[in-house]
């Protein structure tokens, strides 16, 4: 049976991932924040990866059905790159365990956004036909993605503040939601 903390974390992650289903500007979503939060707060490494990635998959499935009326259209051939990048964000989040102060969280958020941008736009260049497979084509792929990076970073910062700040307040208010001793650092 899950602890109250684990149950609360799962609900927070699912609720945050569900915000992808609400109208929003392109790339201004909660998903990177969810992965960072999961890495920082789940005491189980397995749950730290599984819950955020499952929340991403569920929201991708709903969006795929909504936009194309087909569950199969929810997942494109190179989407594994996005999931791998989000797994990398979970790893960055794990570095925050027990020491998620504002400066570290801000640095991890920026590092996550830059890593996701670099990895996924490299994949766009590598797997999509619209960019020549040259240095110039790779540069064009990154330049074309810069406007989306702004929204991604703004969304990451906003949702990270909401998730990490909200969890901090919940832990202060409810003793049953506090981190186990294994996740607390002096």
C-alpha atoms as a PDB file:
ATOM      1  CA  UNK A   1       0.000   0.000   0.000  1.00  0.00           C
ATOM      2  CA  UNK A   2       1.446   3.380  -0.971  1.00  0.00           C
ATOM      3  CA  UNK A   3       2.321   5.909   1.686  1.00  0.00           C
ATOM      4  CA  UNK A   4       0.372   9.182   1.892  1.00  0.00           C
ATOM      5  CA  UNK A   5       3.459  10.923   0.468  1.00  0.00           C
ATOM      6  CA  UNK A   6       3.670   8.596  -2.544  1.00  0.00           C
ATOM      7  CA  UNK A   7      -0.063   8.912  -3.190  1.00  0.00           C
ATOM      8  CA  UNK A   8       0.151  12.713  -3.007  1.00  0.00           C
ATOM      9  CA  UNK A   9       3.148  12.783  -5.354  1.00  0.00           C
ATOM     10  CA  UNK A  10       1.377  10.572  -7.910  1.00  0.00           C
ATOM     11  CA  UNK A  11      -1.719  12.805  -7.795  1.00  0.00           C
ATOM     12  CA  UNK A  12       0.379  15.962  -8.147  1.00  0.00           C
ATOM     13  CA  UNK A  13       2.230  14.541 -11.170  1.00  0.00           C
ATOM     14  CA  UNK A  14      -0.970  13.359 -12.861  1.00  0.00           C
ATOM     15  CA  UNK A  15      -2.715  16.685 -12.226  1.00  0.00           C
ATOM     16  CA  UNK A  16       0.242  18.657 -13.573  1.00  0.00           C
ATOM     17  CA  UNK A  17       0.496  16.430 -16.658  1.00  0.00           C
ATOM     18  CA  UNK A  18      -3.239  16.871 -17.251  1.00  0.00           C
ATOM     19  CA  UNK A  19      -2.652  20.599 -17.721  1.00  0.00           C
ATOM     20  CA  UNK A  20      -1.288  19.696 -21.166  1.00  0.00           C
ATOM     21  CA  UNK A  21      -4.898  19.036 -22.126  1.00  0.00           C
ATOM     22  CA  UNK A  22      -5.904  22.641 -21.402  1.00  0.00           C
ATOM     23  CA  UNK A  23      -5.450  25.354 -24.034  1.00  0.00           C
ATOM     24  CA  UNK A  24      -1.938  26.792 -23.839  1.00  0.00           C
ATOM     25  CA  UNK A  25       0.650  28.536 -26.001  1.00  0.00           C
ATOM     26  CA  UNK A  26       2.920  26.150 -27.942  1.00  0.00           C
ATOM     27  CA  UNK A  27       5.470  24.391 -25.703  1.00  0.00           C
ATOM     28  CA  UNK A  28       4.316  26.148 -22.531  1.00  0.00           C
ATOM     29  CA  UNK A  29       3.585  22.932 -20.651  1.00  0.00           C
ATOM     30  CA  UNK A  30       4.258  21.204 -17.353  1.00  0.00           C
ATOM     31  CA  UNK A  31       5.993  18.066 -18.580  1.00  0.00           C
ATOM     32  CA  UNK A  32       9.634  19.008 -17.998  1.00  0.00           C
ATOM     33  CA  UNK A  33       8.679  20.311 -14.549  1.00  0.00           C
ATOM     34  CA  UNK A  34       6.876  17.030 -13.844  1.00  0.00           C
ATOM     35  CA  UNK A  35       9.984  15.013 -14.745  1.00  0.00           C
ATOM     36  CA  UNK A  36      12.240  17.248 -12.634  1.00  0.00           C
ATOM     37  CA  UNK A  37       9.774  17.108  -9.731  1.00  0.00           C
ATOM     38  CA  UNK A  38       9.452  13.316  -9.962  1.00  0.00           C
ATOM     39  CA  UNK A  39      13.215  12.869  -9.858  1.00  0.00           C
ATOM     40  CA  UNK A  40      13.536  15.169  -6.863  1.00  0.00           C
ATOM     41  CA  UNK A  41      10.648  13.890  -4.757  1.00  0.00           C
ATOM     42  CA  UNK A  42       9.947  10.185  -5.337  1.00  0.00           C
ATOM     43  CA  UNK A  43      12.068   8.148  -2.951  1.00  0.00           C
ATOM     44  CA  UNK A  44      11.862   5.122  -5.251  1.00  0.00           C
ATOM     45  CA  UNK A  45      14.037   5.434  -8.355  1.00  0.00           C
ATOM     46  CA  UNK A  46      11.555   3.247 -10.213  1.00  0.00           C
ATOM     47  CA  UNK A  47       8.638   5.563  -9.376  1.00  0.00           C
ATOM     48  CA  UNK A  48      10.752   8.648 -10.118  1.00  0.00           C
ATOM     49  CA  UNK A  49      10.975   7.461 -13.737  1.00  0.00           C
ATOM     50  CA  UNK A  50       7.718   5.534 -14.109  1.00  0.00           C
ATOM     51  CA  UNK A  51       5.188   8.070 -12.828  1.00  0.00           C
ATOM     52  CA  UNK A  52       6.315  11.119 -14.875  1.00  0.00           C
ATOM     53  CA  UNK A  53       6.908   9.069 -18.029  1.00  0.00           C
ATOM     54  CA  UNK A  54       3.534   7.316 -17.685  1.00  0.00           C
ATOM     55  CA  UNK A  55       1.866  10.699 -17.130  1.00  0.00           C
ATOM     56  CA  UNK A  56       3.548  11.935 -20.321  1.00  0.00           C
ATOM     57  CA  UNK A  57       2.429   8.828 -22.230  1.00  0.00           C
ATOM     58  CA  UNK A  58      -1.164   9.164 -21.000  1.00  0.00           C
ATOM     59  CA  UNK A  59      -1.327  12.832 -21.967  1.00  0.00           C
ATOM     60  CA  UNK A  60       0.276  12.031 -25.353  1.00  0.00           C
ATOM     61  CA  UNK A  61      -2.339   9.328 -25.898  1.00  0.00           C
ATOM     62  CA  UNK A  62      -5.225  11.673 -25.044  1.00  0.00           C
ATOM     63  CA  UNK A  63      -3.781  14.420 -27.248  1.00  0.00           C
ATOM     64  CA  UNK A  64      -3.213  11.951 -30.097  1.00  0.00           C
ATOM     65  CA  UNK A  65      -6.805  10.757 -29.950  1.00  0.00           C
ATOM     66  CA  UNK A  66      -8.106  14.320 -29.650  1.00  0.00           C
ATOM     67  CA  UNK A  67      -6.114  15.683 -32.587  1.00  0.00           C
ATOM     68  CA  UNK A  68      -6.255  12.699 -34.923  1.00  0.00           C
ATOM     69  CA  UNK A  69      -8.990  10.407 -33.570  1.00  0.00           C
ATOM     70  CA  UNK A  70      -6.437   7.617 -33.534  1.00  0.00           C
ATOM     71  CA  UNK A  71      -4.478   6.318 -30.519  1.00  0.00           C
ATOM     72  CA  UNK A  72      -1.771   5.183 -32.939  1.00  0.00           C
ATOM     73  CA  UNK A  73      -1.181   8.776 -34.073  1.00  0.00           C
ATOM     74  CA  UNK A  74      -0.294   9.750 -30.505  1.00  0.00           C
ATOM     75  CA  UNK A  75       3.142   8.199 -30.837  1.00  0.00           C
ATOM     76  CA  UNK A  76       5.432   9.084 -33.703  1.00  0.00           C
ATOM     77  CA  UNK A  77       8.457   6.964 -34.696  1.00  0.00           C
ATOM     78  CA  UNK A  78      11.111   9.156 -33.077  1.00  0.00           C
ATOM     79  CA  UNK A  79       9.168  10.073 -29.919  1.00  0.00           C
ATOM     80  CA  UNK A  80      11.481   7.758 -27.990  1.00  0.00           C
ATOM     81  CA  UNK A  81      13.981  10.632 -28.143  1.00  0.00           C
ATOM     82  CA  UNK A  82      11.589  12.907 -26.240  1.00  0.00           C
ATOM     83  CA  UNK A  83      11.001  10.202 -23.643  1.00  0.00           C
ATOM     84  CA  UNK A  84      14.754   9.625 -23.306  1.00  0.00           C
ATOM     85  CA  UNK A  85      15.246  13.380 -22.844  1.00  0.00           C
ATOM     86  CA  UNK A  86      12.563  13.411 -20.143  1.00  0.00           C
ATOM     87  CA  UNK A  87      14.295  10.479 -18.457  1.00  0.00           C
ATOM     88  CA  UNK A  88      17.420  12.671 -18.478  1.00  0.00           C
ATOM     89  CA  UNK A  89      15.398  15.403 -16.764  1.00  0.00           C
ATOM     90  CA  UNK A  90      14.377  12.872 -14.092  1.00  0.00           C
ATOM     91  CA  UNK A  91      18.089  12.200 -13.512  1.00  0.00           C
ATOM     92  CA  UNK A  92      18.731  15.919 -13.142  1.00  0.00           C
ATOM     93  CA  UNK A  93      15.850  16.024 -10.655  1.00  0.00           C
ATOM     94  CA  UNK A  94      17.455  13.234  -8.641  1.00  0.00           C
ATOM     95  CA  UNK A  95      20.436  15.528  -8.051  1.00  0.00           C
ATOM     96  CA  UNK A  96      18.053  17.809  -6.120  1.00  0.00           C
ATOM     97  CA  UNK A  97      16.964  15.175  -3.611  1.00  0.00           C
ATOM     98  CA  UNK A  98      17.097  16.602  -0.124  1.00  0.00           C
ATOM     99  CA  UNK A  99      18.542  19.919  -1.251  1.00  0.00           C
ATOM    100  CA  UNK A 100      15.947  21.542  -3.469  1.00  0.00           C
ATOM    101  CA  UNK A 101      16.602  25.173  -2.577  1.00  0.00           C
ATOM    102  CA  UNK A 102      15.547  27.923  -4.991  1.00  0.00           C
ATOM    103  CA  UNK A 103      18.973  28.405  -6.593  1.00  0.00           C
ATOM    104  CA  UNK A 104      19.562  24.687  -7.219  1.00  0.00           C
ATOM    105  CA  UNK A 105      16.042  24.208  -8.562  1.00  0.00           C
ATOM    106  CA  UNK A 106      16.445  27.195 -10.907  1.00  0.00           C
ATOM    107  CA  UNK A 107      19.776  25.826 -12.147  1.00  0.00           C
ATOM    108  CA  UNK A 108      18.320  22.349 -12.651  1.00  0.00           C
ATOM    109  CA  UNK A 109      15.357  23.860 -14.509  1.00  0.00           C
ATOM    110  CA  UNK A 110      17.646  25.759 -16.877  1.00  0.00           C
ATOM    111  CA  UNK A 111      19.879  22.705 -17.379  1.00  0.00           C
ATOM    112  CA  UNK A 112      16.812  20.547 -18.093  1.00  0.00           C
ATOM    113  CA  UNK A 113      15.411  23.016 -20.621  1.00  0.00           C
ATOM    114  CA  UNK A 114      18.728  23.353 -22.450  1.00  0.00           C
ATOM    115  CA  UNK A 115      19.321  19.582 -22.480  1.00  0.00           C
ATOM    116  CA  UNK A 116      15.805  18.881 -23.773  1.00  0.00           C
ATOM    117  CA  UNK A 117      16.176  21.580 -26.457  1.00  0.00           C
ATOM    118  CA  UNK A 118      19.560  20.247 -27.594  1.00  0.00           C
ATOM    119  CA  UNK A 119      18.529  16.571 -27.675  1.00  0.00           C
ATOM    120  CA  UNK A 120      15.105  16.901 -29.267  1.00  0.00           C
ATOM    121  CA  UNK A 121      16.121  19.397 -31.915  1.00  0.00           C
ATOM    122  CA  UNK A 122      19.094  17.250 -32.849  1.00  0.00           C
ATOM    123  CA  UNK A 123      16.586  14.422 -33.316  1.00  0.00           C
ATOM    124  CA  UNK A 124      14.385  16.630 -35.503  1.00  0.00           C
ATOM    125  CA  UNK A 125      17.384  17.301 -37.709  1.00  0.00           C
ATOM    126  CA  UNK A 126      18.465  13.647 -37.725  1.00  0.00           C
ATOM    127  CA  UNK A 127      15.067  11.991 -38.290  1.00  0.00           C
ATOM    128  CA  UNK A 128      13.007  14.494 -40.277  1.00  0.00           C
ATOM    129  CA  UNK A 129      13.426  15.087 -44.003  1.00  0.00           C
ATOM    130  CA  UNK A 130      13.061  18.875 -43.954  1.00  0.00           C
ATOM    131  CA  UNK A 131      16.629  19.638 -42.844  1.00  0.00           C
ATOM    132  CA  UNK A 132      19.686  18.755 -44.928  1.00  0.00           C
ATOM    133  CA  UNK A 133      22.042  16.403 -43.100  1.00  0.00           C
ATOM    134  CA  UNK A 134      24.809  18.999 -42.947  1.00  0.00           C
ATOM    135  CA  UNK A 135      26.181  21.378 -40.335  1.00  0.00           C
ATOM    136  CA  UNK A 136      24.100  24.111 -41.962  1.00  0.00           C
ATOM    137  CA  UNK A 137      20.976  21.929 -41.714  1.00  0.00           C
ATOM    138  CA  UNK A 138      21.659  21.217 -38.049  1.00  0.00           C
ATOM    139  CA  UNK A 139      22.151  24.939 -37.406  1.00  0.00           C
ATOM    140  CA  UNK A 140      18.880  25.671 -39.223  1.00  0.00           C
ATOM    141  CA  UNK A 141      17.059  23.136 -37.037  1.00  0.00           C
ATOM    142  CA  UNK A 142      18.295  24.791 -33.856  1.00  0.00           C
ATOM    143  CA  UNK A 143      17.607  28.326 -35.105  1.00  0.00           C
ATOM    144  CA  UNK A 144      14.058  27.364 -36.154  1.00  0.00           C
ATOM    145  CA  UNK A 145      13.422  26.015 -32.641  1.00  0.00           C
ATOM    146  CA  UNK A 146      14.562  29.109 -30.718  1.00  0.00           C
ATOM    147  CA  UNK A 147      11.058  30.675 -30.521  1.00  0.00           C
ATOM    148  CA  UNK A 148       9.742  27.443 -28.984  1.00  0.00           C
ATOM    149  CA  UNK A 149      12.575  27.396 -26.431  1.00  0.00           C
ATOM    150  CA  UNK A 150      11.339  30.664 -24.928  1.00  0.00           C
ATOM    151  CA  UNK A 151       7.912  29.199 -24.189  1.00  0.00           C
ATOM    152  CA  UNK A 152       9.433  25.936 -22.972  1.00  0.00           C
ATOM    153  CA  UNK A 153      11.658  27.747 -20.506  1.00  0.00           C
ATOM    154  CA  UNK A 154       8.829  30.015 -19.306  1.00  0.00           C
ATOM    155  CA  UNK A 155       6.549  27.000 -18.815  1.00  0.00           C
ATOM    156  CA  UNK A 156       9.294  25.065 -17.054  1.00  0.00           C
ATOM    157  CA  UNK A 157      10.003  27.929 -14.667  1.00  0.00           C
ATOM    158  CA  UNK A 158       6.334  28.537 -13.887  1.00  0.00           C
ATOM    159  CA  UNK A 159       5.428  24.891 -13.350  1.00  0.00           C
ATOM    160  CA  UNK A 160       8.614  24.156 -11.394  1.00  0.00           C
ATOM    161  CA  UNK A 161       7.807  27.057  -9.055  1.00  0.00           C
ATOM    162  CA  UNK A 162       4.262  25.759  -8.655  1.00  0.00           C
ATOM    163  CA  UNK A 163       5.239  22.107  -8.109  1.00  0.00           C
ATOM    164  CA  UNK A 164       8.308  22.583  -5.902  1.00  0.00           C
ATOM    165  CA  UNK A 165       6.809  25.516  -3.996  1.00  0.00           C
ATOM    166  CA  UNK A 166       3.512  23.692  -3.548  1.00  0.00           C
ATOM    167  CA  UNK A 167       5.244  20.559  -2.291  1.00  0.00           C
ATOM    168  CA  UNK A 168       7.327  22.610   0.127  1.00  0.00           C
ATOM    169  CA  UNK A 169       4.129  24.119   1.559  1.00  0.00           C
ATOM    170  CA  UNK A 170       2.435  20.704   1.762  1.00  0.00           C
ATOM    171  CA  UNK A 171       5.431  19.181   3.562  1.00  0.00           C
ATOM    172  CA  UNK A 172       5.436  22.061   6.054  1.00  0.00           C
ATOM    173  CA  UNK A 173       1.705  21.685   6.716  1.00  0.00           C
ATOM    174  CA  UNK A 174       1.280  17.880   6.725  1.00  0.00           C
ATOM    175  CA  UNK A 175       3.807  15.733   8.594  1.00  0.00           C
ATOM    176  CA  UNK A 176       2.766  12.608   6.643  1.00  0.00           C
ATOM    177  CA  UNK A 177       3.956  14.211   3.415  1.00  0.00           C
ATOM    178  CA  UNK A 178       7.479  15.021   4.598  1.00  0.00           C
ATOM    179  CA  UNK A 179      10.408  13.353   2.871  1.00  0.00           C
ATOM    180  CA  UNK A 180      11.767  10.162   4.404  1.00  0.00           C
ATOM    181  CA  UNK A 181      15.096  10.539   6.224  1.00  0.00           C
ATOM    182  CA  UNK A 182      16.890   8.902   3.269  1.00  0.00           C
ATOM    183  CA  UNK A 183      15.978  11.886   1.076  1.00  0.00           C
ATOM    184  CA  UNK A 184      16.826  14.576   3.614  1.00  0.00           C
ATOM    185  CA  UNK A 185      20.311  16.033   3.609  1.00  0.00           C
ATOM    186  CA  UNK A 186      21.793  18.217   6.312  1.00  0.00           C
END
